[in-house]
Amino acid sequence: MIFYFSGTGNTKWVAGQIAQAIGEELLYIPDLIRKGQYEHTCHVGERIGFCFPTHGWQPPRIVREFIRRLRVNRPPQGSSDSEGEIFCWALTTCGDNMGEAMTILNKELASNPHLRGAGGQPLQAETQFAVIMPESYVCLPFMKTDSEEKEAMKIELATLQMPHIIQMIDERRSGIMELEKGATPRLYSYVIGGYFNKRMITDKKFTVDMDVCTKCGKCSRVCPVDNIKGTPPAWIHNGRCTSCLACYHYCPVHAINFGKITRKREQYYFGRR
C-alpha cells in the first residue's frame, strides 16, 4: 500500500507511477482522514510506502499527524499471512532540496508504538528517494514557479528517474538513500523550516478578487483539508491549512491570491500546460 499526500499533483503523479507499475494500492491521506481510516492490515511480504511533498524542508503537517494515528496490524498469529517482514520505503518530491525531511519522517514512524517492523523494532523507511519536481510554493519574495522550459526539464528528468525507483521498490532493496538534502540540511529543516512550519503556514492571507471569481467552486473541491466553503470562497480558519496552495494554483481565472505577493506570479499544477 502507498499512503500519499499531494497538493498540486507532483506527488500524486509520482505515487501513481509506482502504484501502477508494481500493483500497489494507492491511498490518499486526506481521504483516509475524512473517513477516519487509520487502521490497516499488512499481509505477508507487503510493502508500505509514504509519498509526500517537502513543505519547508519537512514532511507536511497533515502527513505527520496521519502517521501519529496510523495503525498497521498483522493478520492473526498462525495464519498464512502473519509471517514475513514489512518493507517500508518513502519518497518525497521537492522543488530543489528536501533537507532532513526523511529523518523527521522516520522519527514520526518510530514514535508511534503501533508501527513495528522486524523483530518488533520501530518501523522505519529503510529505502528513501527524493524526486525534483516543478516549484509550486510562491508565497515568499524569492519563491516563484519555474519557467516553462525548466518545468519541462524537471518532469523529463523525473520521468527518466522513475523506472529505477520502481525497480528498487519492487525488489525491496534496503538501504537505498537517493536524496537531495542540500548544502546545510539541518539548518534548512530545523531552523528555517521549523520557523516556516510553525509560523508561516496560514490561510489568513488568502484573498479573492470578487470581480474576477466565476464561482466555479474548484478551490473548495481541491482543498485537501476541507478548509474552504461557499462561492465565492471563504476560508474557515480552522487551523488545518497546509499551505499546499492548491486553491491558488487550480483557480482557472487567478482570482485567488496570498496577500499581494502572488498577484504577478504564475500558477502551476501537474499537467496544466
C-alpha atoms as a PDB file:
ATOM      1  CA  MET A   1       0.000   0.000   0.000  1.00  0.00           C
ATOM      2  CA  ILE A   2       1.122   3.558  -0.700  1.00  0.00           C
ATOM      3  CA  PHE A   3      -0.015   6.383   1.574  1.00  0.00           C
ATOM      4  CA  TYR A   4       0.363   9.691  -0.236  1.00  0.00           C
ATOM      5  CA  PHE A   5      -0.403  13.381   0.014  1.00  0.00           C
ATOM      6  CA  SER A   6      -0.303  15.835  -2.866  1.00  0.00           C
ATOM      7  CA  GLY A   7      -1.382  19.456  -3.275  1.00  0.00           C
ATOM      8  CA  THR A   8      -0.643  20.413  -6.855  1.00  0.00           C
ATOM      9  CA  GLY A   9      -0.230  16.941  -8.331  1.00  0.00           C
ATOM     10  CA  ASN A  10       3.540  16.368  -8.353  1.00  0.00           C
ATOM     11  CA  THR A  11       3.493  13.697  -5.669  1.00  0.00           C
ATOM     12  CA  LYS A  12       0.243  12.208  -6.977  1.00  0.00           C
ATOM     13  CA  TRP A  13       1.901  11.619 -10.330  1.00  0.00           C
ATOM     14  CA  VAL A  14       4.988  10.010  -8.785  1.00  0.00           C
ATOM     15  CA  ALA A  15       2.967   7.794  -6.429  1.00  0.00           C
ATOM     16  CA  GLY A  16       0.655   6.825  -9.271  1.00  0.00           C
ATOM     17  CA  GLN A  17       3.583   5.756 -11.454  1.00  0.00           C
ATOM     18  CA  ILE A  18       4.834   3.449  -8.709  1.00  0.00           C
ATOM     19  CA  ALA A  19       1.408   2.050  -7.827  1.00  0.00           C
ATOM     20  CA  GLN A  20       0.578   1.255 -11.432  1.00  0.00           C
ATOM     21  CA  ALA A  21       3.942  -0.386 -12.120  1.00  0.00           C
ATOM     22  CA  ILE A  22       4.005  -2.750  -9.123  1.00  0.00           C
ATOM     23  CA  GLY A  23       0.302  -3.143  -8.404  1.00  0.00           C
ATOM     24  CA  GLU A  24       0.145  -1.299  -5.090  1.00  0.00           C
ATOM     25  CA  GLU A  25      -2.989   0.159  -3.544  1.00  0.00           C
ATOM     26  CA  LEU A  26      -2.882   3.962  -3.646  1.00  0.00           C
ATOM     27  CA  LEU A  27      -4.339   5.610  -0.534  1.00  0.00           C
ATOM     28  CA  TYR A  28      -4.849   9.388  -0.387  1.00  0.00           C
ATOM     29  CA  ILE A  29      -4.138  10.603   3.140  1.00  0.00           C
ATOM     30  CA  PRO A  30      -6.784  13.408   3.188  1.00  0.00           C
ATOM     31  CA  ASP A  31      -9.474  10.884   2.171  1.00  0.00           C
ATOM     32  CA  LEU A  32      -8.375   8.480   4.906  1.00  0.00           C
ATOM     33  CA  ILE A  33      -8.533  11.298   7.459  1.00  0.00           C
ATOM     34  CA  ARG A  34     -12.036  12.310   6.301  1.00  0.00           C
ATOM     35  CA  LYS A  35     -13.231   8.736   6.753  1.00  0.00           C
ATOM     36  CA  GLY A  36     -11.306   8.140   9.973  1.00  0.00           C
ATOM     37  CA  GLN A  37      -9.499   5.200   8.366  1.00  0.00           C
ATOM     38  CA  TYR A  38      -6.315   4.933  10.374  1.00  0.00           C
ATOM     39  CA  GLU A  39      -6.272   1.151  10.810  1.00  0.00           C
ATOM     40  CA  HIS A  40      -4.845  -1.100   8.083  1.00  0.00           C
ATOM     41  CA  THR A  41      -3.695  -4.699   7.862  1.00  0.00           C
ATOM     42  CA  CYS A  42      -0.355  -5.641   6.361  1.00  0.00           C
ATOM     43  CA  HIS A  43      -0.060  -9.103   4.803  1.00  0.00           C
ATOM     44  CA  VAL A  44       2.979 -11.276   4.209  1.00  0.00           C
ATOM     45  CA  GLY A  45       5.773  -9.554   2.319  1.00  0.00           C
ATOM     46  CA  GLU A  46       3.737  -6.426   1.765  1.00  0.00           C
ATOM     47  CA  ARG A  47       5.372  -3.093   1.034  1.00  0.00           C
ATOM     48  CA  ILE A  48       4.359   0.112   2.768  1.00  0.00           C
ATOM     49  CA  GLY A  49       5.263   3.385   1.100  1.00  0.00           C
ATOM     50  CA  PHE A  50       4.883   7.023   2.087  1.00  0.00           C
ATOM     51  CA  CYS A  51       4.901   9.676  -0.650  1.00  0.00           C
ATOM     52  CA  PHE A  52       4.694  13.361   0.192  1.00  0.00           C
ATOM     53  CA  PRO A  53       5.889  16.801  -0.940  1.00  0.00           C
ATOM     54  CA  THR A  54       8.505  18.606   1.104  1.00  0.00           C
ATOM     55  CA  HIS A  55       6.987  21.639   2.869  1.00  0.00           C
ATOM     56  CA  GLY A  56       9.591  23.934   4.361  1.00  0.00           C
ATOM     57  CA  TRP A  57      12.173  21.125   4.350  1.00  0.00           C
ATOM     58  CA  GLN A  58       9.866  18.939   6.459  1.00  0.00           C
ATOM     59  CA  PRO A  59       7.055  16.451   5.815  1.00  0.00           C
ATOM     60  CA  PRO A  60       3.733  18.328   5.654  1.00  0.00           C
ATOM     61  CA  ARG A  61       1.875  18.595   8.935  1.00  0.00           C
ATOM     62  CA  ILE A  62      -1.043  16.566   7.566  1.00  0.00           C
ATOM     63  CA  VAL A  63       1.322  13.665   6.853  1.00  0.00           C
ATOM     64  CA  ARG A  64       2.937  13.808  10.280  1.00  0.00           C
ATOM     65  CA  GLU A  65      -0.439  13.929  12.041  1.00  0.00           C
ATOM     66  CA  PHE A  66      -1.703  10.987   9.993  1.00  0.00           C
ATOM     67  CA  ILE A  67       1.334   8.873  10.883  1.00  0.00           C
ATOM     68  CA  ARG A  68       0.808   9.573  14.576  1.00  0.00           C
ATOM     69  CA  ARG A  69      -2.654   7.984  14.349  1.00  0.00           C
ATOM     70  CA  LEU A  70      -1.835   5.231  11.866  1.00  0.00           C
ATOM     71  CA  ARG A  71      -2.254   1.607  12.907  1.00  0.00           C
ATOM     72  CA  VAL A  72      -0.759  -1.178  10.783  1.00  0.00           C
ATOM     73  CA  ASN A  73      -1.870  -4.591  12.031  1.00  0.00           C
ATOM     74  CA  ARG A  74      -0.658  -8.076  11.166  1.00  0.00           C
ATOM     75  CA  PRO A  75      -3.143 -10.906  10.474  1.00  0.00           C
ATOM     76  CA  PRO A  76      -3.876 -13.240  13.436  1.00  0.00           C
ATOM     77  CA  GLN A  77      -0.878 -15.265  14.641  1.00  0.00           C
ATOM     78  CA  GLY A  78      -0.644 -18.614  12.883  1.00  0.00           C
ATOM     79  CA  SER A  79      -2.480 -17.541   9.725  1.00  0.00           C
ATOM     80  CA  SER A  80      -0.718 -17.893   6.375  1.00  0.00           C
ATOM     81  CA  ASP A  81      -0.358 -14.120   6.109  1.00  0.00           C
ATOM     82  CA  SER A  82       1.056 -13.499   9.584  1.00  0.00           C
ATOM     83  CA  GLU A  83       4.723 -14.114   8.796  1.00  0.00           C
ATOM     84  CA  GLY A  84       7.226 -12.070   6.817  1.00  0.00           C
ATOM     85  CA  GLU A  85       8.692  -8.660   7.317  1.00  0.00           C
ATOM     86  CA  ILE A  86       7.269  -5.327   6.257  1.00  0.00           C
ATOM     87  CA  PHE A  87       9.317  -3.474   3.670  1.00  0.00           C
ATOM     88  CA  CYS A  88       8.867   0.251   4.286  1.00  0.00           C
ATOM     89  CA  TRP A  89      10.020   2.942   1.871  1.00  0.00           C
ATOM     90  CA  ALA A  90       9.435   6.670   1.427  1.00  0.00           C
ATOM     91  CA  LEU A  91       9.649   9.231  -1.345  1.00  0.00           C
ATOM     92  CA  THR A  92       9.438  12.997  -1.231  1.00  0.00           C
ATOM     93  CA  THR A  93       9.081  15.487  -4.061  1.00  0.00           C
ATOM     94  CA  CYS A  94      10.741  18.876  -3.805  1.00  0.00           C
ATOM     95  CA  GLY A  95      11.471  21.872  -5.986  1.00  0.00           C
ATOM     96  CA  ASP A  96      15.155  21.985  -5.111  1.00  0.00           C
ATOM     97  CA  ASN A  97      16.151  20.038  -1.987  1.00  0.00           C
ATOM     98  CA  MET A  98      14.467  18.387   0.977  1.00  0.00           C
ATOM     99  CA  GLY A  99      16.829  18.901   3.913  1.00  0.00           C
ATOM    100  CA  GLU A 100      16.258  16.394   6.717  1.00  0.00           C
ATOM    101  CA  ALA A 101      12.648  15.642   5.766  1.00  0.00           C
ATOM    102  CA  MET A 102      13.278  11.889   5.762  1.00  0.00           C
ATOM    103  CA  THR A 103      14.952  11.982   9.169  1.00  0.00           C
ATOM    104  CA  ILE A 104      11.875  13.743  10.532  1.00  0.00           C
ATOM    105  CA  LEU A 105       9.586  11.196   8.850  1.00  0.00           C
ATOM    106  CA  ASN A 106      11.435   8.284  10.456  1.00  0.00           C
ATOM    107  CA  LYS A 107      11.226   9.960  13.859  1.00  0.00           C
ATOM    108  CA  GLU A 108       7.466  10.177  13.452  1.00  0.00           C
ATOM    109  CA  LEU A 109       7.285   6.499  12.469  1.00  0.00           C
ATOM    110  CA  ALA A 110       9.463   5.480  15.420  1.00  0.00           C
ATOM    111  CA  SER A 111       7.371   7.443  17.904  1.00  0.00           C
ATOM    112  CA  ASN A 112       4.192   5.534  17.011  1.00  0.00           C
ATOM    113  CA  PRO A 113       4.139   2.342  19.148  1.00  0.00           C
ATOM    114  CA  HIS A 114       1.567   0.777  16.795  1.00  0.00           C
ATOM    115  CA  LEU A 115       4.019   0.750  13.882  1.00  0.00           C
ATOM    116  CA  ARG A 116       6.540  -2.046  14.178  1.00  0.00           C
ATOM    117  CA  GLY A 117       8.987  -3.635  11.775  1.00  0.00           C
ATOM    118  CA  ALA A 118      11.393  -6.554  12.027  1.00  0.00           C
ATOM    119  CA  GLY A 119      11.708  -8.093  15.474  1.00  0.00           C
ATOM    120  CA  GLY A 120       9.243  -5.642  16.935  1.00  0.00           C
ATOM    121  CA  GLN A 121      11.575  -2.734  16.272  1.00  0.00           C
ATOM    122  CA  PRO A 122      10.126   0.673  15.329  1.00  0.00           C
ATOM    123  CA  LEU A 123       9.026   0.827  11.713  1.00  0.00           C
ATOM    124  CA  GLN A 124      11.454   2.827   9.568  1.00  0.00           C
ATOM    125  CA  ALA A 125      11.558   3.842   5.932  1.00  0.00           C
ATOM    126  CA  GLU A 126      14.631   1.792   5.083  1.00  0.00           C
ATOM    127  CA  THR A 127      14.793   2.967   1.478  1.00  0.00           C
ATOM    128  CA  GLN A 128      14.323   6.631   0.601  1.00  0.00           C
ATOM    129  CA  PHE A 129      14.102   8.751  -2.532  1.00  0.00           C
ATOM    130  CA  ALA A 130      13.782  12.418  -3.446  1.00  0.00           C
ATOM    131  CA  VAL A 131      12.398  13.473  -6.820  1.00  0.00           C
ATOM    132  CA  ILE A 132      12.917  17.034  -8.030  1.00  0.00           C
ATOM    133  CA  MET A 133       9.674  18.416  -9.465  1.00  0.00           C
ATOM    134  CA  PRO A 134       8.448  21.880 -10.580  1.00  0.00           C
ATOM    135  CA  GLU A 135       8.151  24.587  -7.931  1.00  0.00           C
ATOM    136  CA  SER A 136       4.702  25.382  -6.566  1.00  0.00           C
ATOM    137  CA  TYR A 137       5.337  27.477  -3.439  1.00  0.00           C
ATOM    138  CA  VAL A 138       5.169  31.156  -4.425  1.00  0.00           C
ATOM    139  CA  CYS A 139       4.457  32.994  -1.169  1.00  0.00           C
ATOM    140  CA  LEU A 140       7.932  34.317  -0.404  1.00  0.00           C
ATOM    141  CA  PRO A 141       9.862  37.013  -2.297  1.00  0.00           C
ATOM    142  CA  PHE A 142      12.441  34.569  -3.674  1.00  0.00           C
ATOM    143  CA  MET A 143       9.983  31.744  -4.469  1.00  0.00           C
ATOM    144  CA  LYS A 144       8.436  31.572  -7.929  1.00  0.00           C
ATOM    145  CA  THR A 145       7.166  28.930 -10.300  1.00  0.00           C
ATOM    146  CA  ASP A 146       9.698  27.554 -12.735  1.00  0.00           C
ATOM    147  CA  SER A 147       9.895  28.776 -16.305  1.00  0.00           C
ATOM    148  CA  GLU A 148       8.126  26.603 -18.841  1.00  0.00           C
ATOM    149  CA  GLU A 149      11.474  25.232 -20.011  1.00  0.00           C
ATOM    150  CA  LYS A 150      12.704  24.403 -16.510  1.00  0.00           C
ATOM    151  CA  GLU A 151       9.359  22.847 -15.614  1.00  0.00           C
ATOM    152  CA  ALA A 152       9.528  20.570 -18.668  1.00  0.00           C
ATOM    153  CA  MET A 153      13.145  19.656 -17.899  1.00  0.00           C
ATOM    154  CA  LYS A 154      12.340  18.678 -14.298  1.00  0.00           C
ATOM    155  CA  ILE A 155       9.431  16.477 -15.383  1.00  0.00           C
ATOM    156  CA  GLU A 156      11.555  14.848 -18.077  1.00  0.00           C
ATOM    157  CA  LEU A 157      14.334  14.055 -15.591  1.00  0.00           C
ATOM    158  CA  ALA A 158      11.800  12.717 -13.077  1.00  0.00           C
ATOM    159  CA  THR A 159      10.291  10.521 -15.784  1.00  0.00           C
ATOM    160  CA  LEU A 160      13.722   9.058 -16.507  1.00  0.00           C
ATOM    161  CA  GLN A 161      14.301   8.505 -12.780  1.00  0.00           C
ATOM    162  CA  MET A 162      11.071   6.589 -12.155  1.00  0.00           C
ATOM    163  CA  PRO A 163      11.974   3.167 -13.667  1.00  0.00           C
ATOM    164  CA  HIS A 164      14.991   2.905 -11.347  1.00  0.00           C
ATOM    165  CA  ILE A 165      12.937   3.900  -8.287  1.00  0.00           C
ATOM    166  CA  ILE A 166      10.205   1.440  -9.239  1.00  0.00           C
ATOM    167  CA  GLN A 167      12.746  -1.369  -9.623  1.00  0.00           C
ATOM    168  CA  MET A 168      14.331  -0.668  -6.238  1.00  0.00           C
ATOM    169  CA  ILE A 169      10.933  -0.716  -4.524  1.00  0.00           C
ATOM    170  CA  ASP A 170       9.694  -3.757  -6.428  1.00  0.00           C
ATOM    171  CA  GLU A 171      12.826  -5.698  -5.465  1.00  0.00           C
ATOM    172  CA  ARG A 172      12.603  -4.477  -1.873  1.00  0.00           C
ATOM    173  CA  ARG A 173      16.134  -3.104  -1.938  1.00  0.00           C
ATOM    174  CA  SER A 174      17.045  -1.981   1.556  1.00  0.00           C
ATOM    175  CA  GLY A 175      19.422   0.845   2.460  1.00  0.00           C
ATOM    176  CA  ILE A 176      18.924   2.931  -0.685  1.00  0.00           C
ATOM    177  CA  MET A 177      19.245   6.646   0.146  1.00  0.00           C
ATOM    178  CA  GLU A 178      18.911   8.704  -3.026  1.00  0.00           C
ATOM    179  CA  LEU A 179      18.187  12.113  -1.567  1.00  0.00           C
ATOM    180  CA  GLU A 180      18.709  15.802  -2.311  1.00  0.00           C
ATOM    181  CA  LYS A 181      19.462  17.201   1.141  1.00  0.00           C
ATOM    182  CA  GLY A 182      21.112  20.446   0.072  1.00  0.00           C
ATOM    183  CA  ALA A 183      24.215  22.145   1.476  1.00  0.00           C
ATOM    184  CA  THR A 184      23.021  22.687   5.070  1.00  0.00           C
ATOM    185  CA  PRO A 185      20.127  20.266   5.654  1.00  0.00           C
ATOM    186  CA  ARG A 186      19.877  20.702   9.421  1.00  0.00           C
ATOM    187  CA  LEU A 187      19.700  24.474   9.072  1.00  0.00           C
ATOM    188  CA  TYR A 188      17.059  24.133   6.358  1.00  0.00           C
ATOM    189  CA  SER A 189      14.839  21.699   8.263  1.00  0.00           C
ATOM    190  CA  TYR A 190      15.240  22.560  11.929  1.00  0.00           C
ATOM    191  CA  VAL A 191      15.838  26.311  11.884  1.00  0.00           C
ATOM    192  CA  ILE A 192      14.358  27.829   8.736  1.00  0.00           C
ATOM    193  CA  GLY A 193      11.876  25.013   8.192  1.00  0.00           C
ATOM    194  CA  GLY A 194      10.966  24.906  11.858  1.00  0.00           C
ATOM    195  CA  TYR A 195      10.067  28.583  11.806  1.00  0.00           C
ATOM    196  CA  PHE A 196       8.248  28.272   8.487  1.00  0.00           C
ATOM    197  CA  ASN A 197       6.083  25.340   9.532  1.00  0.00           C
ATOM    198  CA  LYS A 198       5.285  26.855  12.917  1.00  0.00           C
ATOM    199  CA  ARG A 199       4.711  30.500  11.957  1.00  0.00           C
ATOM    200  CA  MET A 200       4.086  30.829   8.236  1.00  0.00           C
ATOM    201  CA  ILE A 201       1.504  28.151   7.414  1.00  0.00           C
ATOM    202  CA  THR A 202      -1.750  30.075   7.469  1.00  0.00           C
ATOM    203  CA  ASP A 203      -4.915  30.684   5.470  1.00  0.00           C
ATOM    204  CA  LYS A 204      -5.384  34.212   6.816  1.00  0.00           C
ATOM    205  CA  LYS A 205      -3.679  35.908   3.870  1.00  0.00           C
ATOM    206  CA  PHE A 206      -5.797  34.333   1.129  1.00  0.00           C
ATOM    207  CA  THR A 207      -7.994  36.810  -0.728  1.00  0.00           C
ATOM    208  CA  VAL A 208     -10.474  36.613  -3.595  1.00  0.00           C
ATOM    209  CA  ASP A 209     -10.956  39.160  -6.370  1.00  0.00           C
ATOM    210  CA  MET A 210     -14.731  39.227  -6.411  1.00  0.00           C
ATOM    211  CA  ASP A 211     -14.911  40.819  -9.847  1.00  0.00           C
ATOM    212  CA  VAL A 212     -12.774  38.022 -11.295  1.00  0.00           C
ATOM    213  CA  CYS A 213     -14.110  34.963  -9.429  1.00  0.00           C
ATOM    214  CA  THR A 214     -16.530  32.878 -11.541  1.00  0.00           C
ATOM    215  CA  LYS A 215     -17.890  30.977  -8.509  1.00  0.00           C
ATOM    216  CA  CYS A 216     -16.931  27.655 -10.062  1.00  0.00           C
ATOM    217  CA  GLY A 217     -16.158  26.089  -6.670  1.00  0.00           C
ATOM    218  CA  LYS A 218     -12.969  24.406  -7.865  1.00  0.00           C
ATOM    219  CA  CYS A 219     -10.905  25.813  -4.994  1.00  0.00           C
ATOM    220  CA  SER A 220     -13.210  24.181  -2.484  1.00  0.00           C
ATOM    221  CA  ARG A 221     -13.111  20.841  -4.293  1.00  0.00           C
ATOM    222  CA  VAL A 222      -9.312  20.669  -4.477  1.00  0.00           C
ATOM    223  CA  CYS A 223      -8.642  21.751  -0.883  1.00  0.00           C
ATOM    224  CA  PRO A 224      -7.290  18.606   0.837  1.00  0.00           C
ATOM    225  CA  VAL A 225      -8.372  19.695   4.316  1.00  0.00           C
ATOM    226  CA  ASP A 226     -11.882  21.000   3.532  1.00  0.00           C
ATOM    227  CA  ASN A 227     -10.901  24.478   4.645  1.00  0.00           C
ATOM    228  CA  ILE A 228     -12.932  26.400   2.037  1.00  0.00           C
ATOM    229  CA  LYS A 229     -16.676  26.815   1.832  1.00  0.00           C
ATOM    230  CA  GLY A 230     -19.114  28.604  -0.438  1.00  0.00           C
ATOM    231  CA  THR A 231     -18.791  30.554  -3.658  1.00  0.00           C
ATOM    232  CA  PRO A 232     -17.103  32.932  -3.785  1.00  0.00           C
ATOM    233  CA  PRO A 233     -14.786  31.021  -1.465  1.00  0.00           C
ATOM    234  CA  ALA A 234     -14.351  31.749   2.220  1.00  0.00           C
ATOM    235  CA  TRP A 235     -11.603  30.165   4.304  1.00  0.00           C
ATOM    236  CA  ILE A 236     -12.805  28.581   7.512  1.00  0.00           C
ATOM    237  CA  HIS A 237      -9.646  29.378   9.529  1.00  0.00           C
ATOM    238  CA  ASN A 238      -9.845  26.045  11.307  1.00  0.00           C
ATOM    239  CA  GLY A 239      -6.094  25.654  11.714  1.00  0.00           C
ATOM    240  CA  ARG A 240      -5.900  22.788   9.209  1.00  0.00           C
ATOM    241  CA  CYS A 241      -4.467  24.696   6.225  1.00  0.00           C
ATOM    242  CA  THR A 242      -1.265  23.074   4.939  1.00  0.00           C
ATOM    243  CA  SER A 243      -0.258  25.948   2.611  1.00  0.00           C
ATOM    244  CA  CYS A 244      -0.218  23.481  -0.281  1.00  0.00           C
ATOM    245  CA  LEU A 245      -1.647  26.342  -2.424  1.00  0.00           C
ATOM    246  CA  ALA A 246      -3.957  24.030  -4.356  1.00  0.00           C
ATOM    247  CA  CYS A 247      -6.697  26.672  -4.132  1.00  0.00           C
ATOM    248  CA  TYR A 248      -4.396  29.298  -5.650  1.00  0.00           C
ATOM    249  CA  HIS A 249      -2.890  27.166  -8.396  1.00  0.00           C
ATOM    250  CA  TYR A 250      -6.076  25.439  -9.569  1.00  0.00           C
ATOM    251  CA  CYS A 251      -8.168  28.624  -9.810  1.00  0.00           C
ATOM    252  CA  PRO A 252      -8.932  28.878 -13.563  1.00  0.00           C
ATOM    253  CA  VAL A 253      -9.029  32.699 -13.544  1.00  0.00           C
ATOM    254  CA  HIS A 254      -6.317  33.529 -10.974  1.00  0.00           C
ATOM    255  CA  ALA A 255      -8.913  35.109  -8.675  1.00  0.00           C
ATOM    256  CA  ILE A 256      -7.257  33.772  -5.511  1.00  0.00           C
ATOM    257  CA  ASN A 257      -4.101  35.331  -4.097  1.00  0.00           C
ATOM    258  CA  PHE A 258      -1.963  35.052  -0.992  1.00  0.00           C
ATOM    259  CA  GLY A 259      -1.691  38.670   0.075  1.00  0.00           C
ATOM    260  CA  LYS A 260      -0.161  40.853  -2.635  1.00  0.00           C
ATOM    261  CA  ILE A 261       2.897  38.746  -3.337  1.00  0.00           C
ATOM    262  CA  THR A 262       1.221  36.277  -5.721  1.00  0.00           C
ATOM    263  CA  ARG A 263      -0.671  38.791  -7.859  1.00  0.00           C
ATOM    264  CA  LYS A 264       2.020  38.875 -10.535  1.00  0.00           C
ATOM    265  CA  ARG A 265       3.108  35.265 -10.117  1.00  0.00           C
ATOM    266  CA  GLU A 266       2.287  32.277 -12.262  1.00  0.00           C
ATOM    267  CA  GLN A 267       0.241  29.207 -11.392  1.00  0.00           C
ATOM    268  CA  TYR A 268       1.281  25.578 -11.626  1.00  0.00           C
ATOM    269  CA  TYR A 269      -0.215  22.152 -11.194  1.00  0.00           C
ATOM    270  CA  PHE A 270       0.972  18.928 -12.739  1.00  0.00           C
ATOM    271  CA  GLY A 271      -0.212  18.617 -16.323  1.00  0.00           C
ATOM    272  CA  ARG A 272      -1.543  22.160 -16.523  1.00  0.00           C
ATOM    273  CA  ARG A 273       0.395  23.027 -19.658  1.00  0.00           C
END
